[in-house]
Amino acid sequence: IIAICDAYDAMNSHRSYAKPMTHESSIHELIVNKGTQFDP
């Protein structure tokens, strides 16, 4: 659970190396990585 929440937060937060992703882009990344990085 924490892995998913942490990844979503990181994607939606300003980082020194990246701008925040949109809500829908973040959801898309979670979907693309379900079953590999994340529990589907």
PDB file of all heavy atoms in Angstrom:
ATOM      1  N   ILE A   1       0.843  -1.205   0.000  1.00  0.00           N
ATOM      2  CA  ILE A   1       0.000   0.000   0.000  1.00  0.00           C
ATOM      3  C   ILE A   1       0.873   1.248   0.000  1.00  0.00           C
ATOM      4  O   ILE A   1       0.646   2.178  -0.779  1.00  0.00           O
ATOM      5  CB  ILE A   1      -0.957  -0.011   1.209  1.00  0.00           C
ATOM      6  CG1 ILE A   1      -2.007  -1.120   1.046  1.00  0.00           C
ATOM      7  CG2 ILE A   1      -1.625   1.354   1.386  1.00  0.00           C
ATOM      8  CD1 ILE A   1      -2.824  -1.395   2.302  1.00  0.00           C
ATOM      9  N   ILE A   2       1.876   1.280   0.866  1.00  0.00           N
ATOM     10  CA  ILE A   2       2.758   2.446   0.951  1.00  0.00           C
ATOM     11  C   ILE A   2       3.480   2.679  -0.370  1.00  0.00           C
ATOM     12  O   ILE A   2       3.657   3.828  -0.797  1.00  0.00           O
ATOM     13  CB  ILE A   2       3.751   2.296   2.116  1.00  0.00           C
ATOM     14  CG1 ILE A   2       2.995   2.407   3.450  1.00  0.00           C
ATOM     15  CG2 ILE A   2       4.868   3.340   2.040  1.00  0.00           C
ATOM     16  CD1 ILE A   2       3.820   2.041   4.657  1.00  0.00           C
ATOM     17  N   ALA A   3       3.896   1.621  -1.046  1.00  0.00           N
ATOM     18  CA  ALA A   3       4.592   1.773  -2.329  1.00  0.00           C
ATOM     19  C   ALA A   3       3.729   2.523  -3.338  1.00  0.00           C
ATOM     20  O   ALA A   3       4.221   3.409  -4.052  1.00  0.00           O
ATOM     21  CB  ALA A   3       4.991   0.405  -2.880  1.00  0.00           C
ATOM     22  N   ILE A   4       2.450   2.197  -3.397  1.00  0.00           N
ATOM     23  CA  ILE A   4       1.538   2.866  -4.332  1.00  0.00           C
ATOM     24  C   ILE A   4       1.330   4.315  -3.920  1.00  0.00           C
ATOM     25  O   ILE A   4       1.437   5.234  -4.751  1.00  0.00           O
ATOM     26  CB  ILE A   4       0.200   2.113  -4.413  1.00  0.00           C
ATOM     27  CG1 ILE A   4       0.407   0.734  -5.044  1.00  0.00           C
ATOM     28  CG2 ILE A   4      -0.836   2.927  -5.208  1.00  0.00           C
ATOM     29  CD1 ILE A   4      -0.780  -0.206  -4.883  1.00  0.00           C
ATOM     30  N   CYS A   5       1.047   4.539  -2.649  1.00  0.00           N
ATOM     31  CA  CYS A   5       0.810   5.906  -2.167  1.00  0.00           C
ATOM     32  C   CYS A   5       2.047   6.786  -2.337  1.00  0.00           C
ATOM     33  O   CYS A   5       1.940   7.947  -2.757  1.00  0.00           O
ATOM     34  CB  CYS A   5       0.386   5.881  -0.704  1.00  0.00           C
ATOM     35  SG  CYS A   5      -1.182   5.066  -0.404  1.00  0.00           S
ATOM     36  N   ASP A   6       3.210   6.229  -2.029  1.00  0.00           N
ATOM     37  CA  ASP A   6       4.468   6.972  -2.150  1.00  0.00           C
ATOM     38  C   ASP A   6       4.755   7.325  -3.605  1.00  0.00           C
ATOM     39  O   ASP A   6       5.153   8.456  -3.916  1.00  0.00           O
ATOM     40  CB  ASP A   6       5.611   6.156  -1.550  1.00  0.00           C
ATOM     41  CG  ASP A   6       6.922   6.912  -1.522  1.00  0.00           C
ATOM     42  OD1 ASP A   6       6.928   8.088  -1.096  1.00  0.00           O
ATOM     43  OD2 ASP A   6       7.949   6.324  -1.909  1.00  0.00           O
ATOM     44  N   ALA A   7       4.540   6.381  -4.502  1.00  0.00           N
ATOM     45  CA  ALA A   7       4.776   6.641  -5.928  1.00  0.00           C
ATOM     46  C   ALA A   7       3.814   7.701  -6.448  1.00  0.00           C
ATOM     47  O   ALA A   7       4.227   8.628  -7.163  1.00  0.00           O
ATOM     48  CB  ALA A   7       4.624   5.352  -6.733  1.00  0.00           C
ATOM     49  N   TYR A   8       2.537   7.599  -6.086  1.00  0.00           N
ATOM     50  CA  TYR A   8       1.543   8.591  -6.531  1.00  0.00           C
ATOM     51  C   TYR A   8       1.916   9.979  -6.001  1.00  0.00           C
ATOM     52  O   TYR A   8       1.900  10.957  -6.742  1.00  0.00           O
ATOM     53  CB  TYR A   8       0.145   8.187  -6.058  1.00  0.00           C
ATOM     54  CG  TYR A   8      -0.917   9.171  -6.464  1.00  0.00           C
ATOM     55  CD1 TYR A   8      -1.464   9.128  -7.738  1.00  0.00           C
ATOM     56  CD2 TYR A   8      -1.365  10.146  -5.587  1.00  0.00           C
ATOM     57  CE1 TYR A   8      -2.431  10.042  -8.123  1.00  0.00           C
ATOM     58  CE2 TYR A   8      -2.326  11.058  -5.961  1.00  0.00           C
ATOM     59  CZ  TYR A   8      -2.862  11.000  -7.224  1.00  0.00           C
ATOM     60  OH  TYR A   8      -3.810  11.910  -7.614  1.00  0.00           O
ATOM     61  N   ASP A   9       2.300  10.049  -4.736  1.00  0.00           N
ATOM     62  CA  ASP A   9       2.703  11.329  -4.150  1.00  0.00           C
ATOM     63  C   ASP A   9       3.931  11.898  -4.860  1.00  0.00           C
ATOM     64  O   ASP A   9       3.985  13.086  -5.175  1.00  0.00           O
ATOM     65  CB  ASP A   9       2.980  11.154  -2.661  1.00  0.00           C
ATOM     66  CG  ASP A   9       3.432  12.447  -2.017  1.00  0.00           C
ATOM     67  OD1 ASP A   9       2.679  13.443  -2.066  1.00  0.00           O
ATOM     68  OD2 ASP A   9       4.561  12.466  -1.469  1.00  0.00           O
ATOM     69  N   ALA A  10       4.913  11.051  -5.127  1.00  0.00           N
ATOM     70  CA  ALA A  10       6.128  11.504  -5.808  1.00  0.00           C
ATOM     71  C   ALA A  10       5.813  12.026  -7.209  1.00  0.00           C
ATOM     72  O   ALA A  10       6.354  13.052  -7.634  1.00  0.00           O
ATOM     73  CB  ALA A  10       7.148  10.371  -5.889  1.00  0.00           C
ATOM     74  N   MET A  11       4.923  11.330  -7.908  1.00  0.00           N
ATOM     75  CA  MET A  11       4.572  11.765  -9.261  1.00  0.00           C
ATOM     76  C   MET A  11       3.823  13.088  -9.265  1.00  0.00           C
ATOM     77  O   MET A  11       3.908  13.852 -10.219  1.00  0.00           O
ATOM     78  CB  MET A  11       3.727  10.692  -9.964  1.00  0.00           C
ATOM     79  CG  MET A  11       4.514   9.456 -10.335  1.00  0.00           C
ATOM     80  SD  MET A  11       3.534   8.280 -11.278  1.00  0.00           S
ATOM     81  CE  MET A  11       2.812   7.285  -9.985  1.00  0.00           C
ATOM     82  N   ASN A  12       3.101  13.383  -8.193  1.00  0.00           N
ATOM     83  CA  ASN A  12       2.280  14.588  -8.123  1.00  0.00           C
ATOM     84  C   ASN A  12       2.933  15.733  -7.367  1.00  0.00           C
ATOM     85  O   ASN A  12       2.309  16.766  -7.160  1.00  0.00           O
ATOM     86  CB  ASN A  12       0.927  14.257  -7.466  1.00  0.00           C
ATOM     87  CG  ASN A  12       0.015  13.573  -8.428  1.00  0.00           C
ATOM     88  OD1 ASN A  12      -0.698  14.230  -9.158  1.00  0.00           O
ATOM     89  ND2 ASN A  12       0.059  12.258  -8.453  1.00  0.00           N
ATOM     90  N   SER A  13       4.163  15.565  -6.951  1.00  0.00           N
ATOM     91  CA  SER A  13       4.867  16.579  -6.178  1.00  0.00           C
ATOM     92  C   SER A  13       5.996  17.189  -7.002  1.00  0.00           C
ATOM     93  O   SER A  13       6.598  16.517  -7.825  1.00  0.00           O
ATOM     94  CB  SER A  13       5.463  15.958  -4.912  1.00  0.00           C
ATOM     95  OG  SER A  13       4.456  15.427  -4.106  1.00  0.00           O
ATOM     96  N   HIS A  14       6.262  18.454  -6.726  1.00  0.00           N
ATOM     97  CA  HIS A  14       7.389  19.106  -7.395  1.00  0.00           C
ATOM     98  C   HIS A  14       8.678  18.527  -6.821  1.00  0.00           C
ATOM     99  O   HIS A  14       8.847  18.421  -5.612  1.00  0.00           O
ATOM    100  CB  HIS A  14       7.352  20.617  -7.169  1.00  0.00           C
ATOM    101  CG  HIS A  14       8.500  21.311  -7.819  1.00  0.00           C
ATOM    102  ND1 HIS A  14       8.564  21.499  -9.175  1.00  0.00           N
ATOM    103  CD2 HIS A  14       9.641  21.812  -7.313  1.00  0.00           C
ATOM    104  CE1 HIS A  14       9.696  22.104  -9.472  1.00  0.00           C
ATOM    105  NE2 HIS A  14      10.372  22.301  -8.360  1.00  0.00           N
ATOM    106  N   ARG A  15       9.561  18.131  -7.695  1.00  0.00           N
ATOM    107  CA  ARG A  15      10.879  17.611  -7.307  1.00  0.00           C
ATOM    108  C   ARG A  15      11.934  18.474  -7.978  1.00  0.00           C
ATOM    109  O   ARG A  15      11.687  19.073  -9.027  1.00  0.00           O
ATOM    110  CB  ARG A  15      11.050  16.152  -7.765  1.00  0.00           C
ATOM    111  CG  ARG A  15       9.985  15.204  -7.276  1.00  0.00           C
ATOM    112  CD  ARG A  15      10.085  14.988  -5.789  1.00  0.00           C
ATOM    113  NE  ARG A  15       8.963  14.191  -5.307  1.00  0.00           N
ATOM    114  CZ  ARG A  15       9.005  13.449  -4.244  1.00  0.00           C
ATOM    115  NH1 ARG A  15      10.106  13.388  -3.531  1.00  0.00           N
ATOM    116  NH2 ARG A  15       7.954  12.778  -3.861  1.00  0.00           N
ATOM    117  N   SER A  16      13.119  18.519  -7.423  1.00  0.00           N
ATOM    118  CA  SER A  16      14.181  19.333  -8.022  1.00  0.00           C
ATOM    119  C   SER A  16      14.530  18.838  -9.421  1.00  0.00           C
ATOM    120  O   SER A  16      15.013  19.602 -10.252  1.00  0.00           O
ATOM    121  CB  SER A  16      15.425  19.321  -7.137  1.00  0.00           C
ATOM    122  OG  SER A  16      15.896  18.000  -6.978  1.00  0.00           O
ATOM    123  N   TYR A  17      14.239  17.578  -9.702  1.00  0.00           N
ATOM    124  CA  TYR A  17      14.584  16.974 -10.989  1.00  0.00           C
ATOM    125  C   TYR A  17      13.386  16.789 -11.923  1.00  0.00           C
ATOM    126  O   TYR A  17      13.560  16.353 -13.051  1.00  0.00           O
ATOM    127  CB  TYR A  17      15.263  15.620 -10.762  1.00  0.00           C
ATOM    128  CG  TYR A  17      14.458  14.685  -9.890  1.00  0.00           C
ATOM    129  CD1 TYR A  17      13.464  13.868 -10.419  1.00  0.00           C
ATOM    130  CD2 TYR A  17      14.673  14.648  -8.513  1.00  0.00           C
ATOM    131  CE1 TYR A  17      12.713  13.032  -9.614  1.00  0.00           C
ATOM    132  CE2 TYR A  17      13.935  13.809  -7.696  1.00  0.00           C
ATOM    133  CZ  TYR A  17      12.950  13.003  -8.261  1.00  0.00           C
ATOM    134  OH  TYR A  17      12.217  12.177  -7.452  1.00  0.00           O
ATOM    135  N   ALA A  18      12.181  17.107 -11.461  1.00  0.00           N
ATOM    136  CA  ALA A  18      11.003  16.895 -12.313  1.00  0.00           C
ATOM    137  C   ALA A  18       9.818  17.734 -11.855  1.00  0.00           C
ATOM    138  O   ALA A  18       9.646  17.971 -10.659  1.00  0.00           O
ATOM    139  CB  ALA A  18      10.611  15.421 -12.310  1.00  0.00           C
ATOM    140  N   LYS A  19       9.016  18.137 -12.816  1.00  0.00           N
ATOM    141  CA  LYS A  19       7.768  18.837 -12.502  1.00  0.00           C
ATOM    142  C   LYS A  19       6.712  17.807 -12.131  1.00  0.00           C
ATOM    143  O   LYS A  19       6.806  16.636 -12.522  1.00  0.00           O
ATOM    144  CB  LYS A  19       7.296  19.625 -13.725  1.00  0.00           C
ATOM    145  CG  LYS A  19       8.195  20.782 -14.083  1.00  0.00           C
ATOM    146  CD  LYS A  19       7.639  21.530 -15.277  1.00  0.00           C
ATOM    147  CE  LYS A  19       8.554  22.689 -15.617  1.00  0.00           C
ATOM    148  NZ  LYS A  19       8.083  23.434 -16.776  1.00  0.00           N
ATOM    149  N   PRO A  20       5.703  18.235 -11.399  1.00  0.00           N
ATOM    150  CA  PRO A  20       4.638  17.283 -11.049  1.00  0.00           C
ATOM    151  C   PRO A  20       3.898  16.792 -12.293  1.00  0.00           C
ATOM    152  O   PRO A  20       3.722  17.525 -13.265  1.00  0.00           O
ATOM    153  CB  PRO A  20       3.690  18.107 -10.177  1.00  0.00           C
ATOM    154  CG  PRO A  20       4.406  19.344  -9.824  1.00  0.00           C
ATOM    155  CD  PRO A  20       5.478  19.552 -10.839  1.00  0.00           C
ATOM    156  N   MET A  21       3.487  15.547 -12.249  1.00  0.00           N
ATOM    157  CA  MET A  21       2.662  14.988 -13.313  1.00  0.00           C
ATOM    158  C   MET A  21       1.204  15.348 -13.023  1.00  0.00           C
ATOM    159  O   MET A  21       0.854  15.648 -11.880  1.00  0.00           O
ATOM    160  CB  MET A  21       2.813  13.464 -13.362  1.00  0.00           C
ATOM    161  CG  MET A  21       4.201  13.000 -13.731  1.00  0.00           C
ATOM    162  SD  MET A  21       4.404  11.203 -13.568  1.00  0.00           S
ATOM    163  CE  MET A  21       3.451  10.641 -14.961  1.00  0.00           C
ATOM    164  N   THR A  22       0.374  15.263 -14.027  1.00  0.00           N
ATOM    165  CA  THR A  22      -1.049  15.474 -13.805  1.00  0.00           C
ATOM    166  C   THR A  22      -1.626  14.260 -13.072  1.00  0.00           C
ATOM    167  O   THR A  22      -1.033  13.174 -13.061  1.00  0.00           O
ATOM    168  CB  THR A  22      -1.810  15.658 -15.131  1.00  0.00           C
ATOM    169  OG1 THR A  22      -1.759  14.420 -15.860  1.00  0.00           O
ATOM    170  CG2 THR A  22      -1.229  16.794 -15.961  1.00  0.00           C
ATOM    171  N   HIS A  23      -2.786  14.464 -12.511  1.00  0.00           N
ATOM    172  CA  HIS A  23      -3.504  13.393 -11.824  1.00  0.00           C
ATOM    173  C   HIS A  23      -3.698  12.197 -12.763  1.00  0.00           C
ATOM    174  O   HIS A  23      -3.387  11.064 -12.415  1.00  0.00           O
ATOM    175  CB  HIS A  23      -4.840  13.950 -11.333  1.00  0.00           C
ATOM    176  CG  HIS A  23      -5.778  12.950 -10.769  1.00  0.00           C
ATOM    177  ND1 HIS A  23      -5.575  12.343  -9.554  1.00  0.00           N
ATOM    178  CD2 HIS A  23      -6.949  12.464 -11.248  1.00  0.00           C
ATOM    179  CE1 HIS A  23      -6.573  11.520  -9.314  1.00  0.00           C
ATOM    180  NE2 HIS A  23      -7.417  11.571 -10.320  1.00  0.00           N
ATOM    181  N   GLU A  24      -4.188  12.456 -13.976  1.00  0.00           N
ATOM    182  CA  GLU A  24      -4.454  11.373 -14.926  1.00  0.00           C
ATOM    183  C   GLU A  24      -3.171  10.706 -15.413  1.00  0.00           C
ATOM    184  O   GLU A  24      -3.147   9.498 -15.622  1.00  0.00           O
ATOM    185  CB  GLU A  24      -5.299  11.863 -16.095  1.00  0.00           C
ATOM    186  CG  GLU A  24      -6.747  12.125 -15.730  1.00  0.00           C
ATOM    187  CD  GLU A  24      -7.469  10.901 -15.141  1.00  0.00           C
ATOM    188  OE1 GLU A  24      -7.282   9.763 -15.653  1.00  0.00           O
ATOM    189  OE2 GLU A  24      -8.215  11.076 -14.166  1.00  0.00           O
ATOM    190  N   SER A  25      -2.099  11.473 -15.595  1.00  0.00           N
ATOM    191  CA  SER A  25      -0.819  10.875 -15.994  1.00  0.00           C
ATOM    192  C   SER A  25      -0.282   9.966 -14.901  1.00  0.00           C
ATOM    193  O   SER A  25       0.274   8.901 -15.178  1.00  0.00           O
ATOM    194  CB  SER A  25       0.214  11.958 -16.307  1.00  0.00           C
ATOM    195  OG  SER A  25      -0.156  12.670 -17.461  1.00  0.00           O
ATOM    196  N   SER A  26      -0.469  10.370 -13.656  1.00  0.00           N
ATOM    197  CA  SER A  26      -0.035   9.548 -12.531  1.00  0.00           C
ATOM    198  C   SER A  26      -0.823   8.246 -12.478  1.00  0.00           C
ATOM    199  O   SER A  26      -0.258   7.174 -12.251  1.00  0.00           O
ATOM    200  CB  SER A  26      -0.201  10.306 -11.217  1.00  0.00           C
ATOM    201  OG  SER A  26       0.574  11.472 -11.221  1.00  0.00           O
ATOM    202  N   ILE A  27      -2.125   8.341 -12.694  1.00  0.00           N
ATOM    203  CA  ILE A  27      -2.963   7.146 -12.728  1.00  0.00           C
ATOM    204  C   ILE A  27      -2.498   6.225 -13.855  1.00  0.00           C
ATOM    205  O   ILE A  27      -2.382   5.013 -13.673  1.00  0.00           O
ATOM    206  CB  ILE A  27      -4.451   7.511 -12.872  1.00  0.00           C
ATOM    207  CG1 ILE A  27      -4.953   8.113 -11.563  1.00  0.00           C
ATOM    208  CG2 ILE A  27      -5.289   6.305 -13.286  1.00  0.00           C
ATOM    209  CD1 ILE A  27      -6.362   8.659 -11.616  1.00  0.00           C
ATOM    210  N   HIS A  28      -2.209   6.803 -15.006  1.00  0.00           N
ATOM    211  CA  HIS A  28      -1.729   6.012 -16.136  1.00  0.00           C
ATOM    212  C   HIS A  28      -0.445   5.259 -15.766  1.00  0.00           C
ATOM    213  O   HIS A  28      -0.291   4.067 -16.084  1.00  0.00           O
ATOM    214  CB  HIS A  28      -1.506   6.902 -17.358  1.00  0.00           C
ATOM    215  CG  HIS A  28      -0.909   6.171 -18.514  1.00  0.00           C
ATOM    216  ND1 HIS A  28      -1.632   5.307 -19.299  1.00  0.00           N
ATOM    217  CD2 HIS A  28       0.353   6.155 -18.998  1.00  0.00           C
ATOM    218  CE1 HIS A  28      -0.836   4.792 -20.221  1.00  0.00           C
ATOM    219  NE2 HIS A  28       0.374   5.294 -20.065  1.00  0.00           N
ATOM    220  N   GLU A  29       0.489   5.916 -15.091  1.00  0.00           N
ATOM    221  CA  GLU A  29       1.742   5.273 -14.684  1.00  0.00           C
ATOM    222  C   GLU A  29       1.487   4.130 -13.713  1.00  0.00           C
ATOM    223  O   GLU A  29       2.145   3.087 -13.792  1.00  0.00           O
ATOM    224  CB  GLU A  29       2.702   6.287 -14.061  1.00  0.00           C
ATOM    225  CG  GLU A  29       3.369   7.186 -15.064  1.00  0.00           C
ATOM    226  CD  GLU A  29       4.220   6.415 -16.055  1.00  0.00           C
ATOM    227  OE1 GLU A  29       5.045   5.566 -15.638  1.00  0.00           O
ATOM    228  OE2 GLU A  29       4.067   6.649 -17.264  1.00  0.00           O
ATOM    229  N   LEU A  30       0.551   4.317 -12.801  1.00  0.00           N
ATOM    230  CA  LEU A  30       0.217   3.222 -11.882  1.00  0.00           C
ATOM    231  C   LEU A  30      -0.332   2.024 -12.655  1.00  0.00           C
ATOM    232  O   LEU A  30       0.038   0.877 -12.392  1.00  0.00           O
ATOM    233  CB  LEU A  30      -0.800   3.682 -10.834  1.00  0.00           C
ATOM    234  CG  LEU A  30      -0.303   4.707  -9.811  1.00  0.00           C
ATOM    235  CD1 LEU A  30      -1.465   5.171  -8.935  1.00  0.00           C
ATOM    236  CD2 LEU A  30       0.826   4.154  -8.970  1.00  0.00           C
ATOM    237  N   ILE A  31      -1.198   2.299 -13.621  1.00  0.00           N
ATOM    238  CA  ILE A  31      -1.784   1.228 -14.437  1.00  0.00           C
ATOM    239  C   ILE A  31      -0.702   0.505 -15.239  1.00  0.00           C
ATOM    240  O   ILE A  31      -0.670  -0.727 -15.285  1.00  0.00           O
ATOM    241  CB  ILE A  31      -2.889   1.779 -15.350  1.00  0.00           C
ATOM    242  CG1 ILE A  31      -4.088   2.224 -14.500  1.00  0.00           C
ATOM    243  CG2 ILE A  31      -3.309   0.751 -16.396  1.00  0.00           C
ATOM    244  CD1 ILE A  31      -5.127   3.044 -15.258  1.00  0.00           C
ATOM    245  N   VAL A  32       0.180   1.265 -15.860  1.00  0.00           N
ATOM    246  CA  VAL A  32       1.260   0.672 -16.662  1.00  0.00           C
ATOM    247  C   VAL A  32       2.149  -0.239 -15.806  1.00  0.00           C
ATOM    248  O   VAL A  32       2.635  -1.265 -16.281  1.00  0.00           O
ATOM    249  CB  VAL A  32       2.107   1.792 -17.323  1.00  0.00           C
ATOM    250  CG1 VAL A  32       3.420   1.256 -17.868  1.00  0.00           C
ATOM    251  CG2 VAL A  32       1.310   2.490 -18.412  1.00  0.00           C
ATOM    252  N   ASN A  33       2.318   0.116 -14.537  1.00  0.00           N
ATOM    253  CA  ASN A  33       3.236  -0.631 -13.670  1.00  0.00           C
ATOM    254  C   ASN A  33       2.553  -1.614 -12.725  1.00  0.00           C
ATOM    255  O   ASN A  33       3.215  -2.199 -11.868  1.00  0.00           O
ATOM    256  CB  ASN A  33       4.095   0.353 -12.875  1.00  0.00           C
ATOM    257  CG  ASN A  33       5.091   1.040 -13.778  1.00  0.00           C
ATOM    258  OD1 ASN A  33       6.042   0.412 -14.221  1.00  0.00           O
ATOM    259  ND2 ASN A  33       4.857   2.301 -14.081  1.00  0.00           N
ATOM    260  N   LYS A  34       1.247  -1.824 -12.913  1.00  0.00           N
ATOM    261  CA  LYS A  34       0.588  -2.806 -12.043  1.00  0.00           C
ATOM    262  C   LYS A  34       0.957  -4.204 -12.503  1.00  0.00           C
ATOM    263  O   LYS A  34       1.047  -4.476 -13.690  1.00  0.00           O
ATOM    264  CB  LYS A  34      -0.920  -2.571 -11.944  1.00  0.00           C
ATOM    265  CG  LYS A  34      -1.741  -2.860 -13.129  1.00  0.00           C
ATOM    266  CD  LYS A  34      -3.203  -2.478 -12.826  1.00  0.00           C
ATOM    267  CE  LYS A  34      -4.139  -3.243 -13.720  1.00  0.00           C
ATOM    268  NZ  LYS A  34      -5.532  -2.958 -13.397  1.00  0.00           N
ATOM    269  N   GLY A  35       1.250  -5.032 -11.531  1.00  0.00           N
ATOM    270  CA  GLY A  35       1.696  -6.392 -11.821  1.00  0.00           C
ATOM    271  C   GLY A  35       3.205  -6.511 -11.907  1.00  0.00           C
ATOM    272  O   GLY A  35       3.746  -7.602 -11.790  1.00  0.00           O
ATOM    273  N   THR A  36       3.882  -5.412 -12.145  1.00  0.00           N
ATOM    274  CA  THR A  36       5.347  -5.429 -12.149  1.00  0.00           C
ATOM    275  C   THR A  36       5.851  -4.716 -10.898  1.00  0.00           C
ATOM    276  O   THR A  36       6.375  -5.345  -9.990  1.00  0.00           O
ATOM    277  CB  THR A  36       5.927  -4.780 -13.419  1.00  0.00           C
ATOM    278  OG1 THR A  36       5.393  -3.458 -13.574  1.00  0.00           O
ATOM    279  CG2 THR A  36       5.637  -5.616 -14.641  1.00  0.00           C
ATOM    280  N   GLN A  37       5.661  -3.417 -10.828  1.00  0.00           N
ATOM    281  CA  GLN A  37       6.101  -2.662  -9.648  1.00  0.00           C
ATOM    282  C   GLN A  37       5.077  -2.751  -8.517  1.00  0.00           C
ATOM    283  O   GLN A  37       5.448  -2.850  -7.350  1.00  0.00           O
ATOM    284  CB  GLN A  37       6.334  -1.201 -10.013  1.00  0.00           C
ATOM    285  CG  GLN A  37       6.897  -0.373  -8.868  1.00  0.00           C
ATOM    286  CD  GLN A  37       7.282   1.022  -9.298  1.00  0.00           C
ATOM    287  OE1 GLN A  37       7.202   1.379 -10.465  1.00  0.00           O
ATOM    288  NE2 GLN A  37       7.700   1.828  -8.351  1.00  0.00           N
ATOM    289  N   PHE A  38       3.804  -2.719  -8.870  1.00  0.00           N
ATOM    290  CA  PHE A  38       2.748  -2.623  -7.868  1.00  0.00           C
ATOM    291  C   PHE A  38       1.785  -3.805  -7.903  1.00  0.00           C
ATOM    292  O   PHE A  38       1.562  -4.399  -8.962  1.00  0.00           O
ATOM    293  CB  PHE A  38       1.935  -1.340  -8.084  1.00  0.00           C
ATOM    294  CG  PHE A  38       2.754  -0.095  -8.157  1.00  0.00           C
ATOM    295  CD1 PHE A  38       2.824   0.635  -9.337  1.00  0.00           C
ATOM    296  CD2 PHE A  38       3.468   0.357  -7.062  1.00  0.00           C
ATOM    297  CE1 PHE A  38       3.574   1.792  -9.414  1.00  0.00           C
ATOM    298  CE2 PHE A  38       4.227   1.518  -7.131  1.00  0.00           C
ATOM    299  CZ  PHE A  38       4.284   2.237  -8.314  1.00  0.00           C
ATOM    300  N   ASP A  39       1.183  -4.083  -6.753  1.00  0.00           N
ATOM    301  CA  ASP A  39       0.142  -5.094  -6.634  1.00  0.00           C
ATOM    302  C   ASP A  39      -1.042  -4.659  -7.497  1.00  0.00           C
ATOM    303  O   ASP A  39      -1.613  -3.588  -7.280  1.00  0.00           O
ATOM    304  CB  ASP A  39      -0.277  -5.202  -5.161  1.00  0.00           C
ATOM    305  CG  ASP A  39      -1.348  -6.226  -4.895  1.00  0.00           C
ATOM    306  OD1 ASP A  39      -2.316  -6.322  -5.691  1.00  0.00           O
ATOM    307  OD2 ASP A  39      -1.254  -6.912  -3.874  1.00  0.00           O
ATOM    308  N   PRO A  40      -1.421  -5.435  -8.513  1.00  0.00           N
ATOM    309  CA  PRO A  40      -2.476  -5.008  -9.435  1.00  0.00           C
ATOM    310  C   PRO A  40      -3.831  -4.792  -8.757  1.00  0.00           C
ATOM    311  O   PRO A  40      -4.556  -3.844  -9.113  1.00  0.00           O
ATOM    312  CB  PRO A  40      -2.545  -6.125 -10.476  1.00  0.00           C
ATOM    313  CG  PRO A  40      -1.846  -7.286  -9.877  1.00  0.00           C
ATOM    314  CD  PRO A  40      -0.892  -6.752  -8.860  1.00  0.00           C
TER     315      PRO A  40
END
